């Protein structure tokens, strides 16, 4: 089975030059270097207030919701995001995420009268769309780093590697006439 570091390096290559700095640091760190291995424990410090954490959790579930496979919450993405921001981010790296969550929270209260975490799925989607389209000035740098954190956290989790994708340590036979309609899962190795 591949480990989270190897999976993170693979996911990081997907984002290319626009990779969020904490993810780049974590993906590039390895044994024998001066950067420590990603620990499996809790974050070294709490990054989010309870309201920010609740909003971040709800919004991460909107980026990768539960369908026929578990979603971001079941995969532990909120814990991953807090771990990345606590242990791999500089204070400046945290600013767009925290400012974005605060801006989304304020907009949710203004438009819907409820905290972002308690907004309906459609309202949360609308809030994320505003952030994605840079229509929340205070959250202009939020969406892309947040999306990268959610995707990286999901696809480097055990759920992402084994239930969303199918892990084959040795690929099966080659069939050049395999119909696309028969594809069930994307394979990782």
Protein backbone atom coordinates (compact mmCIF):
# COMPACT_ATOMS: atom_id res chain seq x y z
CA UNK A 1 0.00 0.00 0.00
CA UNK A 2 1.29 3.47 -0.77
CA UNK A 3 1.72 5.95 2.05
CA UNK A 4 0.28 9.44 2.40
CA UNK A 5 3.56 11.14 1.45
CA UNK A 6 3.80 9.26 -1.85
CA UNK A 7 0.13 9.93 -2.59
CA UNK A 8 0.54 13.59 -1.69
CA UNK A 9 3.44 13.95 -4.12
CA UNK A 10 1.24 12.47 -6.86
CA UNK A 11 -1.68 14.76 -6.07
CA UNK A 12 0.68 17.75 -5.84
CA UNK A 13 1.90 17.15 -9.39
CA UNK A 14 -1.69 17.49 -10.56
CA UNK A 15 -1.80 21.15 -9.48
CA UNK A 16 1.53 22.12 -11.04
CA UNK A 17 3.01 25.54 -10.43
CA UNK A 18 -0.10 26.86 -8.69
CA UNK A 19 0.28 24.41 -5.80
CA UNK A 20 -0.55 25.86 -2.37
CA UNK A 21 2.74 26.30 -0.46
CA UNK A 22 1.96 24.07 2.58
CA UNK A 23 1.08 21.19 0.25
CA UNK A 24 4.30 21.70 -1.69
CA UNK A 25 6.31 21.66 1.53
CA UNK A 26 4.60 18.51 2.81
CA UNK A 27 4.90 16.71 -0.53
CA UNK A 28 8.58 17.59 -0.90
CA UNK A 29 9.59 16.61 2.59
CA UNK A 30 11.02 13.19 3.09
CA UNK A 31 13.17 10.98 5.27
CA UNK A 32 16.78 12.04 5.46
CA UNK A 33 15.92 15.68 4.75
CA UNK A 34 15.71 18.50 7.22
CA UNK A 35 11.92 18.61 6.91
CA UNK A 36 10.09 16.19 9.23
CA UNK A 37 7.73 13.46 8.10
CA UNK A 38 3.99 14.20 8.31
CA UNK A 39 2.92 12.90 11.68
CA UNK A 40 -0.40 11.18 12.07
CA UNK A 41 -1.19 12.97 15.33
CA UNK A 42 -3.28 16.04 15.92
CA UNK A 43 -2.14 19.46 14.71
CA UNK A 44 0.47 21.15 16.88
CA UNK A 45 -1.80 24.21 17.32
CA UNK A 46 -5.46 24.96 16.73
CA UNK A 47 -5.79 27.11 13.63
CA UNK A 48 -9.55 27.61 13.49
CA UNK A 49 -12.11 28.97 15.88
CA UNK A 50 -15.07 26.62 16.43
CA UNK A 51 -17.16 28.64 13.94
CA UNK A 52 -14.38 28.61 11.32
CA UNK A 53 -13.87 24.87 11.79
CA UNK A 54 -17.61 24.22 11.41
CA UNK A 55 -17.73 26.30 8.21
CA UNK A 56 -14.57 24.65 6.85
CA UNK A 57 -16.03 21.20 7.56
CA UNK A 58 -19.35 21.99 5.88
CA UNK A 59 -17.69 23.58 2.85
CA UNK A 60 -15.22 20.72 2.40
CA UNK A 61 -18.22 18.40 2.29
CA UNK A 62 -19.65 20.50 -0.54
CA UNK A 63 -16.40 20.20 -2.53
CA UNK A 64 -16.38 16.37 -2.18
CA UNK A 65 -19.81 15.26 -0.94
CA UNK A 66 -20.84 11.76 -0.01
CA UNK A 67 -22.22 9.94 -3.05
CA UNK A 68 -21.83 6.23 -3.70
CA UNK A 69 -18.45 6.63 -1.98
CA UNK A 70 -17.70 8.42 1.31
CA UNK A 71 -17.16 12.16 1.14
CA UNK A 72 -14.62 14.60 2.56
CA UNK A 73 -15.82 14.41 6.15
CA UNK A 74 -15.65 10.61 6.29
CA UNK A 75 -12.16 10.77 4.79
CA UNK A 76 -10.96 13.10 7.58
CA UNK A 77 -10.38 16.08 5.30
CA UNK A 78 -11.17 18.73 7.98
CA UNK A 79 -8.48 17.24 10.25
CA UNK A 80 -6.05 17.10 7.31
CA UNK A 81 -6.67 20.77 6.48
CA UNK A 82 -6.08 21.86 10.06
CA UNK A 83 -2.93 19.69 10.23
CA UNK A 84 -1.56 21.21 7.01
CA UNK A 85 -2.24 24.75 8.17
CA UNK A 86 -0.91 24.15 11.69
CA UNK A 87 2.24 22.19 10.89
CA UNK A 88 3.14 22.96 7.27
CA UNK A 89 1.93 26.53 6.71
CA UNK A 90 3.60 29.77 7.59
CA UNK A 91 1.36 32.34 9.29
CA UNK A 92 1.03 34.12 5.94
CA UNK A 93 -0.15 30.93 4.24
CA UNK A 94 -3.07 30.70 6.67
CA UNK A 95 -4.36 34.22 5.94
CA UNK A 96 -6.35 33.50 2.73
CA UNK A 97 -8.05 30.45 4.24
CA UNK A 98 -9.01 32.12 7.52
CA UNK A 99 -10.02 35.38 5.81
CA UNK A 100 -12.05 33.41 3.28
CA UNK A 101 -13.89 31.45 5.95
CA UNK A 102 -14.64 34.67 7.84
CA UNK A 103 -15.90 36.36 4.65
CA UNK A 104 -18.09 33.38 3.78
CA UNK A 105 -19.44 33.31 7.34
CA UNK A 106 -20.27 37.03 7.20
CA UNK A 107 -21.95 36.67 3.79
CA UNK A 108 -23.97 33.69 4.99
CA UNK A 109 -25.20 35.63 8.01
CA UNK A 110 -26.03 38.64 5.82
CA UNK A 111 -27.78 36.74 3.00
CA UNK A 112 -29.31 33.76 4.81
CA UNK A 113 -29.35 34.70 8.49
CA UNK A 114 -27.58 31.48 9.51
CA UNK A 115 -23.93 30.49 9.97
CA UNK A 116 -22.33 28.94 6.88
CA UNK A 117 -22.18 25.54 8.59
CA UNK A 118 -25.97 25.58 9.08
CA UNK A 119 -26.82 26.91 5.62
CA UNK A 120 -28.50 24.56 3.16
CA UNK A 121 -26.40 22.71 0.60
CA UNK A 122 -27.63 25.08 -2.13
CA UNK A 123 -26.71 28.11 -0.03
CA UNK A 124 -23.26 26.68 0.72
CA UNK A 125 -22.77 26.03 -3.00
CA UNK A 126 -23.74 29.63 -3.72
CA UNK A 127 -21.24 30.88 -1.12
CA UNK A 128 -18.46 28.73 -2.60
CA UNK A 129 -19.36 29.96 -6.08
CA UNK A 130 -19.04 33.57 -4.92
CA UNK A 131 -15.60 32.76 -3.48
CA UNK A 132 -14.57 30.85 -6.61
CA UNK A 133 -15.58 33.76 -8.85
CA UNK A 134 -13.79 36.23 -6.56
CA UNK A 135 -17.03 38.05 -5.80
CA UNK A 136 -16.17 38.21 -2.10
CA UNK A 137 -13.31 40.73 -1.96
CA UNK A 138 -12.15 39.55 1.48
CA UNK A 139 -12.01 35.96 0.17
CA UNK A 140 -10.29 36.59 -3.14
CA UNK A 141 -7.40 34.21 -2.37
CA UNK A 142 -9.49 31.56 -0.61
CA UNK A 143 -11.04 29.20 -3.12
CA UNK A 144 -8.07 27.69 -4.98
CA UNK A 145 -5.95 26.90 -1.88
CA UNK A 146 -9.04 25.54 -0.11
CA UNK A 147 -9.97 23.36 -3.07
CA UNK A 148 -6.42 22.02 -3.27
CA UNK A 149 -6.42 21.19 0.44
CA UNK A 150 -9.73 19.34 0.16
CA UNK A 151 -8.69 17.35 -2.91
CA UNK A 152 -5.25 16.52 -1.50
CA UNK A 153 -6.73 15.52 1.86
CA UNK A 154 -9.32 13.31 0.24
CA UNK A 155 -7.18 11.54 -2.32
CA UNK A 156 -4.35 10.87 0.13
CA UNK A 157 -6.68 9.39 2.75
CA UNK A 158 -7.32 5.69 3.06
CA UNK A 159 -10.86 6.22 1.79
CA UNK A 160 -9.68 8.18 -1.22
CA UNK A 161 -7.00 5.65 -2.10
CA UNK A 162 -9.03 2.49 -1.57
CA UNK A 163 -12.72 3.30 -2.00
CA UNK A 164 -12.83 6.20 -4.46
CA UNK A 165 -9.94 4.84 -6.46
CA UNK A 166 -8.95 1.23 -6.67
CA UNK A 167 -5.40 0.38 -5.68
CA UNK A 168 -3.70 -2.21 -7.88
CA UNK A 169 -0.08 -2.77 -6.88
CA UNK A 170 0.45 -4.78 -10.08
CA UNK A 171 -1.69 -3.73 -13.05
CA UNK A 172 -3.78 -6.42 -14.70
CA UNK A 173 -3.67 -7.41 -18.31
CA UNK A 174 -3.82 -4.89 -21.13
CA UNK A 175 -7.02 -4.85 -23.15
CA UNK A 176 -6.92 -2.27 -25.95
CA UNK A 177 -10.60 -2.81 -26.74
CA UNK A 178 -11.94 -2.23 -23.21
CA UNK A 179 -15.08 -0.12 -23.48
CA UNK A 180 -15.11 3.14 -21.54
CA UNK A 181 -18.66 2.37 -20.42
CA UNK A 182 -17.25 -0.57 -18.42
CA UNK A 183 -14.92 1.63 -16.36
CA UNK A 184 -16.05 1.69 -12.73
CA UNK A 185 -13.17 3.33 -10.89
CA UNK A 186 -9.97 5.20 -11.59
CA UNK A 187 -6.96 3.12 -10.65
CA UNK A 188 -3.99 4.30 -8.63
CA UNK A 189 -0.64 2.65 -8.18
